[in-house]
Amino acid sequence: AWVSGGIVHYYFDTKVDLIRAAFEENAARSLERRAAIFADEDADVRSTLHALVDTYLPADDTTTESWRVWIEWWAAALRDDELAEVHNRAYEDWAARVQSVFGRVDGIDADTARSHATVLVALLDGLTIQALMGSPTMTVDHMRATCRRTVDLLLAVD
């Protein structure tokens, strides 16, 4: 990135500090890109969830790079408790936002909304890893269809 080691050390005392800052910036930008979707509480829940799915697909350079940062973060957090704690806070924030969308459905209690959010987030994570690894069966279009179908099934359960 054409930055000297001295400059990096001036701003970050340790490698963990640098990794944490990169992850926190990535997570904040990720949520900013979706802020309007989360903010529109009058929108149809199905449409909102489909829009969220579409914005999380690794279909453009920005989203693909964001996913690569998340995946690198997961690997780093496995080896460092401090990084794992930062990750868990960011992940909880993301899951709570998805839960809040499911929670707008009449008749869905908080536990069910949380379970639905967990399913969708886990599905997005797992399918994205397959897509980024170049799986010939997990294209972005297939990922979109699978996630949208799952949203529809989750909403039909209640």
C-alpha atoms as a PDB file:
ATOM      1  CA  ALA A   1       0.000   0.000   0.000  1.00  0.00           C
ATOM      2  CA  TRP A   2       3.067   2.231  -0.328  1.00  0.00           C
ATOM      3  CA  VAL A   3       3.238   2.951   3.397  1.00  0.00           C
ATOM      4  CA  SER A   4       6.457   2.670   5.338  1.00  0.00           C
ATOM      5  CA  GLY A   5       6.719   0.510   8.415  1.00  0.00           C
ATOM      6  CA  GLY A   6       7.596   3.608  10.436  1.00  0.00           C
ATOM      7  CA  ILE A   7       4.302   5.265   9.542  1.00  0.00           C
ATOM      8  CA  VAL A   8       2.368   2.137  10.524  1.00  0.00           C
ATOM      9  CA  HIS A   9       4.220   1.902  13.866  1.00  0.00           C
ATOM     10  CA  TYR A  10       3.537   5.579  14.530  1.00  0.00           C
ATOM     11  CA  TYR A  11      -0.227   4.919  14.504  1.00  0.00           C
ATOM     12  CA  PHE A  12      -0.329   1.312  15.738  1.00  0.00           C
ATOM     13  CA  ASP A  13       1.732  -0.067  18.609  1.00  0.00           C
ATOM     14  CA  THR A  14       1.161  -3.702  17.705  1.00  0.00           C
ATOM     15  CA  LYS A  15       0.038  -5.886  14.833  1.00  0.00           C
ATOM     16  CA  VAL A  16      -3.111  -6.669  16.820  1.00  0.00           C
ATOM     17  CA  ASP A  17      -3.887  -2.928  17.012  1.00  0.00           C
ATOM     18  CA  LEU A  18      -3.519  -2.635  13.239  1.00  0.00           C
ATOM     19  CA  ILE A  19      -5.695  -5.683  12.571  1.00  0.00           C
ATOM     20  CA  ARG A  20      -8.353  -4.451  15.009  1.00  0.00           C
ATOM     21  CA  ALA A  21      -8.452  -1.009  13.379  1.00  0.00           C
ATOM     22  CA  ALA A  22      -8.758  -2.543   9.897  1.00  0.00           C
ATOM     23  CA  PHE A  23     -11.575  -4.815  11.008  1.00  0.00           C
ATOM     24  CA  GLU A  24     -13.471  -2.102  12.872  1.00  0.00           C
ATOM     25  CA  GLU A  25     -13.249   0.199   9.852  1.00  0.00           C
ATOM     26  CA  ASN A  26     -14.436  -2.603   7.555  1.00  0.00           C
ATOM     27  CA  ALA A  27     -17.364  -3.458   9.859  1.00  0.00           C
ATOM     28  CA  ALA A  28     -18.399   0.196  10.150  1.00  0.00           C
ATOM     29  CA  ARG A  29     -18.304   0.679   6.372  1.00  0.00           C
ATOM     30  CA  SER A  30     -20.266  -2.513   5.885  1.00  0.00           C
ATOM     31  CA  LEU A  31     -23.045  -1.289   8.152  1.00  0.00           C
ATOM     32  CA  GLU A  32     -22.977   2.185   6.589  1.00  0.00           C
ATOM     33  CA  ARG A  33     -23.587   0.660   3.153  1.00  0.00           C
ATOM     34  CA  ARG A  34     -26.749  -0.934   4.531  1.00  0.00           C
ATOM     35  CA  ALA A  35     -27.947   1.824   6.859  1.00  0.00           C
ATOM     36  CA  ALA A  36     -30.817   2.907   4.612  1.00  0.00           C
ATOM     37  CA  ILE A  37     -32.109  -0.668   4.403  1.00  0.00           C
ATOM     38  CA  PHE A  38     -32.132  -1.062   8.184  1.00  0.00           C
ATOM     39  CA  ALA A  39     -33.577   2.426   8.726  1.00  0.00           C
ATOM     40  CA  ASP A  40     -36.725   1.910   6.652  1.00  0.00           C
ATOM     41  CA  GLU A  41     -38.886   0.239   9.283  1.00  0.00           C
ATOM     42  CA  ASP A  42     -42.016   0.706   7.151  1.00  0.00           C
ATOM     43  CA  ALA A  43     -40.662  -1.426   4.314  1.00  0.00           C
ATOM     44  CA  ASP A  44     -41.966  -4.918   3.754  1.00  0.00           C
ATOM     45  CA  VAL A  45     -39.903  -7.389   5.813  1.00  0.00           C
ATOM     46  CA  ARG A  46     -39.421  -9.814   2.919  1.00  0.00           C
ATOM     47  CA  SER A  47     -38.233  -7.014   0.626  1.00  0.00           C
ATOM     48  CA  THR A  48     -35.910  -5.705   3.338  1.00  0.00           C
ATOM     49  CA  LEU A  49     -34.351  -9.108   3.923  1.00  0.00           C
ATOM     50  CA  HIS A  50     -34.000  -9.752   0.192  1.00  0.00           C
ATOM     51  CA  ALA A  51     -32.284  -6.357  -0.160  1.00  0.00           C
ATOM     52  CA  LEU A  52     -29.910  -7.229   2.694  1.00  0.00           C
ATOM     53  CA  VAL A  53     -29.094 -10.546   1.060  1.00  0.00           C
ATOM     54  CA  ASP A  54     -28.394  -8.791  -2.233  1.00  0.00           C
ATOM     55  CA  THR A  55     -26.023  -6.296  -0.601  1.00  0.00           C
ATOM     56  CA  TYR A  56     -24.044  -9.046   1.124  1.00  0.00           C
ATOM     57  CA  LEU A  57     -23.437 -11.099  -2.015  1.00  0.00           C
ATOM     58  CA  PRO A  58     -19.776 -11.061  -3.104  1.00  0.00           C
ATOM     59  CA  ALA A  59     -20.873  -9.604  -6.441  1.00  0.00           C
ATOM     60  CA  ASP A  60     -18.711  -6.470  -6.639  1.00  0.00           C
ATOM     61  CA  ASP A  61     -15.189  -5.457  -5.669  1.00  0.00           C
ATOM     62  CA  THR A  62     -16.220  -3.565  -2.520  1.00  0.00           C
ATOM     63  CA  THR A  63     -18.294  -6.384  -1.062  1.00  0.00           C
ATOM     64  CA  THR A  64     -15.820  -9.070  -2.082  1.00  0.00           C
ATOM     65  CA  GLU A  65     -12.965  -7.183  -0.407  1.00  0.00           C
ATOM     66  CA  SER A  66     -15.101  -6.644   2.686  1.00  0.00           C
ATOM     67  CA  TRP A  67     -15.763 -10.375   2.902  1.00  0.00           C
ATOM     68  CA  ARG A  68     -12.055 -11.112   2.517  1.00  0.00           C
ATOM     69  CA  VAL A  69     -11.330  -8.844   5.489  1.00  0.00           C
ATOM     70  CA  TRP A  70     -13.993 -10.673   7.551  1.00  0.00           C
ATOM     71  CA  ILE A  71     -12.507 -14.049   6.664  1.00  0.00           C
ATOM     72  CA  GLU A  72      -8.988 -12.895   7.554  1.00  0.00           C
ATOM     73  CA  TRP A  73     -10.407 -11.503  10.784  1.00  0.00           C
ATOM     74  CA  TRP A  74     -11.982 -14.839  11.666  1.00  0.00           C
ATOM     75  CA  ALA A  75      -8.614 -16.533  11.229  1.00  0.00           C
ATOM     76  CA  ALA A  76      -6.820 -13.922  13.364  1.00  0.00           C
ATOM     77  CA  ALA A  77      -9.522 -13.992  16.042  1.00  0.00           C
ATOM     78  CA  LEU A  78      -9.105 -17.748  16.417  1.00  0.00           C
ATOM     79  CA  ARG A  79      -5.578 -17.085  17.693  1.00  0.00           C
ATOM     80  CA  ASP A  80      -6.146 -13.954  19.783  1.00  0.00           C
ATOM     81  CA  ASP A  81      -8.710 -13.500  22.562  1.00  0.00           C
ATOM     82  CA  GLU A  82      -8.698  -9.705  22.255  1.00  0.00           C
ATOM     83  CA  LEU A  83      -9.462  -9.878  18.545  1.00  0.00           C
ATOM     84  CA  ALA A  84     -12.127 -12.503  19.209  1.00  0.00           C
ATOM     85  CA  GLU A  85     -13.812 -10.144  21.681  1.00  0.00           C
ATOM     86  CA  VAL A  86     -13.893  -7.297  19.140  1.00  0.00           C
ATOM     87  CA  HIS A  87     -15.216  -9.700  16.514  1.00  0.00           C
ATOM     88  CA  ASN A  88     -17.945 -10.982  18.812  1.00  0.00           C
ATOM     89  CA  ARG A  89     -19.162  -7.446  19.567  1.00  0.00           C
ATOM     90  CA  ALA A  90     -19.309  -6.539  15.865  1.00  0.00           C
ATOM     91  CA  TYR A  91     -20.989  -9.811  14.959  1.00  0.00           C
ATOM     92  CA  GLU A  92     -23.544  -9.395  17.717  1.00  0.00           C
ATOM     93  CA  ASP A  93     -24.361  -5.917  16.406  1.00  0.00           C
ATOM     94  CA  TRP A  94     -24.881  -7.284  12.890  1.00  0.00           C
ATOM     95  CA  ALA A  95     -27.016 -10.207  14.126  1.00  0.00           C
ATOM     96  CA  ALA A  96     -29.115  -7.863  16.284  1.00  0.00           C
ATOM     97  CA  ARG A  97     -29.832  -5.688  13.245  1.00  0.00           C
ATOM     98  CA  VAL A  98     -30.979  -8.692  11.226  1.00  0.00           C
ATOM     99  CA  GLN A  99     -33.011  -9.885  14.219  1.00  0.00           C
ATOM    100  CA  SER A 100     -34.719  -6.495  14.401  1.00  0.00           C
ATOM    101  CA  VAL A 101     -35.947  -6.947  10.823  1.00  0.00           C
ATOM    102  CA  PHE A 102     -37.384 -10.403  11.561  1.00  0.00           C
ATOM    103  CA  GLY A 103     -38.853  -8.934  14.750  1.00  0.00           C
ATOM    104  CA  ARG A 104     -41.087  -6.642  12.693  1.00  0.00           C
ATOM    105  CA  VAL A 105     -43.180  -9.625  11.602  1.00  0.00           C
ATOM    106  CA  ASP A 106     -46.444  -9.872  13.533  1.00  0.00           C
ATOM    107  CA  GLY A 107     -46.461 -12.886  15.808  1.00  0.00           C
ATOM    108  CA  ILE A 108     -42.703 -13.493  15.852  1.00  0.00           C
ATOM    109  CA  ASP A 109     -41.268 -13.367  19.352  1.00  0.00           C
ATOM    110  CA  ALA A 110     -37.719 -12.257  20.139  1.00  0.00           C
ATOM    111  CA  ASP A 111     -36.369 -15.819  20.401  1.00  0.00           C
ATOM    112  CA  THR A 112     -37.782 -16.787  17.014  1.00  0.00           C
ATOM    113  CA  ALA A 113     -36.510 -13.566  15.426  1.00  0.00           C
ATOM    114  CA  ARG A 114     -33.068 -14.312  16.861  1.00  0.00           C
ATOM    115  CA  SER A 115     -33.131 -17.881  15.555  1.00  0.00           C
ATOM    116  CA  HIS A 116     -34.174 -16.712  12.101  1.00  0.00           C
ATOM    117  CA  ALA A 117     -31.411 -14.102  12.086  1.00  0.00           C
ATOM    118  CA  THR A 118     -28.879 -16.735  13.146  1.00  0.00           C
ATOM    119  CA  VAL A 119     -29.934 -19.002  10.277  1.00  0.00           C
ATOM    120  CA  LEU A 120     -29.692 -16.231   7.693  1.00  0.00           C
ATOM    121  CA  VAL A 121     -26.342 -14.893   8.924  1.00  0.00           C
ATOM    122  CA  ALA A 122     -24.859 -18.403   9.078  1.00  0.00           C
ATOM    123  CA  LEU A 123     -26.133 -19.142   5.582  1.00  0.00           C
ATOM    124  CA  LEU A 124     -24.646 -15.930   4.179  1.00  0.00           C
ATOM    125  CA  ASP A 125     -21.309 -16.669   5.868  1.00  0.00           C
ATOM    126  CA  GLY A 126     -21.079 -20.263   4.699  1.00  0.00           C
ATOM    127  CA  LEU A 127     -22.213 -19.702   1.130  1.00  0.00           C
ATOM    128  CA  THR A 128     -19.940 -16.682   0.756  1.00  0.00           C
ATOM    129  CA  ILE A 129     -16.925 -18.737   1.772  1.00  0.00           C
ATOM    130  CA  GLN A 130     -17.841 -21.295  -0.890  1.00  0.00           C
ATOM    131  CA  ALA A 131     -18.343 -18.581  -3.518  1.00  0.00           C
ATOM    132  CA  LEU A 132     -15.053 -16.852  -2.698  1.00  0.00           C
ATOM    133  CA  MET A 133     -13.223 -20.160  -2.823  1.00  0.00           C
ATOM    134  CA  GLY A 134     -14.409 -20.522  -6.404  1.00  0.00           C
ATOM    135  CA  SER A 135     -16.860 -23.354  -5.918  1.00  0.00           C
ATOM    136  CA  PRO A 136     -18.263 -24.190  -9.351  1.00  0.00           C
ATOM    137  CA  THR A 137     -21.657 -24.869  -7.771  1.00  0.00           C
ATOM    138  CA  MET A 138     -21.863 -21.759  -5.610  1.00  0.00           C
ATOM    139  CA  THR A 139     -22.215 -18.858  -7.973  1.00  0.00           C
ATOM    140  CA  VAL A 140     -23.487 -15.481  -6.814  1.00  0.00           C
ATOM    141  CA  ASP A 141     -26.797 -16.153  -8.588  1.00  0.00           C
ATOM    142  CA  HIS A 142     -27.175 -19.515  -6.839  1.00  0.00           C
ATOM    143  CA  MET A 143     -26.248 -17.922  -3.521  1.00  0.00           C
ATOM    144  CA  ARG A 144     -28.865 -15.192  -4.038  1.00  0.00           C
ATOM    145  CA  ALA A 145     -31.564 -17.728  -4.920  1.00  0.00           C
ATOM    146  CA  THR A 146     -30.700 -19.963  -1.953  1.00  0.00           C
ATOM    147  CA  CYS A 147     -30.675 -17.097   0.552  1.00  0.00           C
ATOM    148  CA  ARG A 148     -33.886 -15.556  -0.788  1.00  0.00           C
ATOM    149  CA  ARG A 149     -35.605 -18.962  -0.717  1.00  0.00           C
ATOM    150  CA  THR A 150     -34.472 -19.422   2.873  1.00  0.00           C
ATOM    151  CA  VAL A 151     -35.843 -15.982   3.845  1.00  0.00           C
ATOM    152  CA  ASP A 152     -39.150 -16.922   2.248  1.00  0.00           C
ATOM    153  CA  LEU A 153     -39.221 -20.243   4.115  1.00  0.00           C
ATOM    154  CA  LEU A 154     -38.375 -18.601   7.444  1.00  0.00           C
ATOM    155  CA  LEU A 155     -41.132 -16.049   6.986  1.00  0.00           C
ATOM    156  CA  ALA A 156     -43.623 -18.759   5.991  1.00  0.00           C
ATOM    157  CA  VAL A 157     -42.968 -20.727   9.188  1.00  0.00           C
ATOM    158  CA  ASP A 158     -44.553 -18.067  11.354  1.00  0.00           C
END
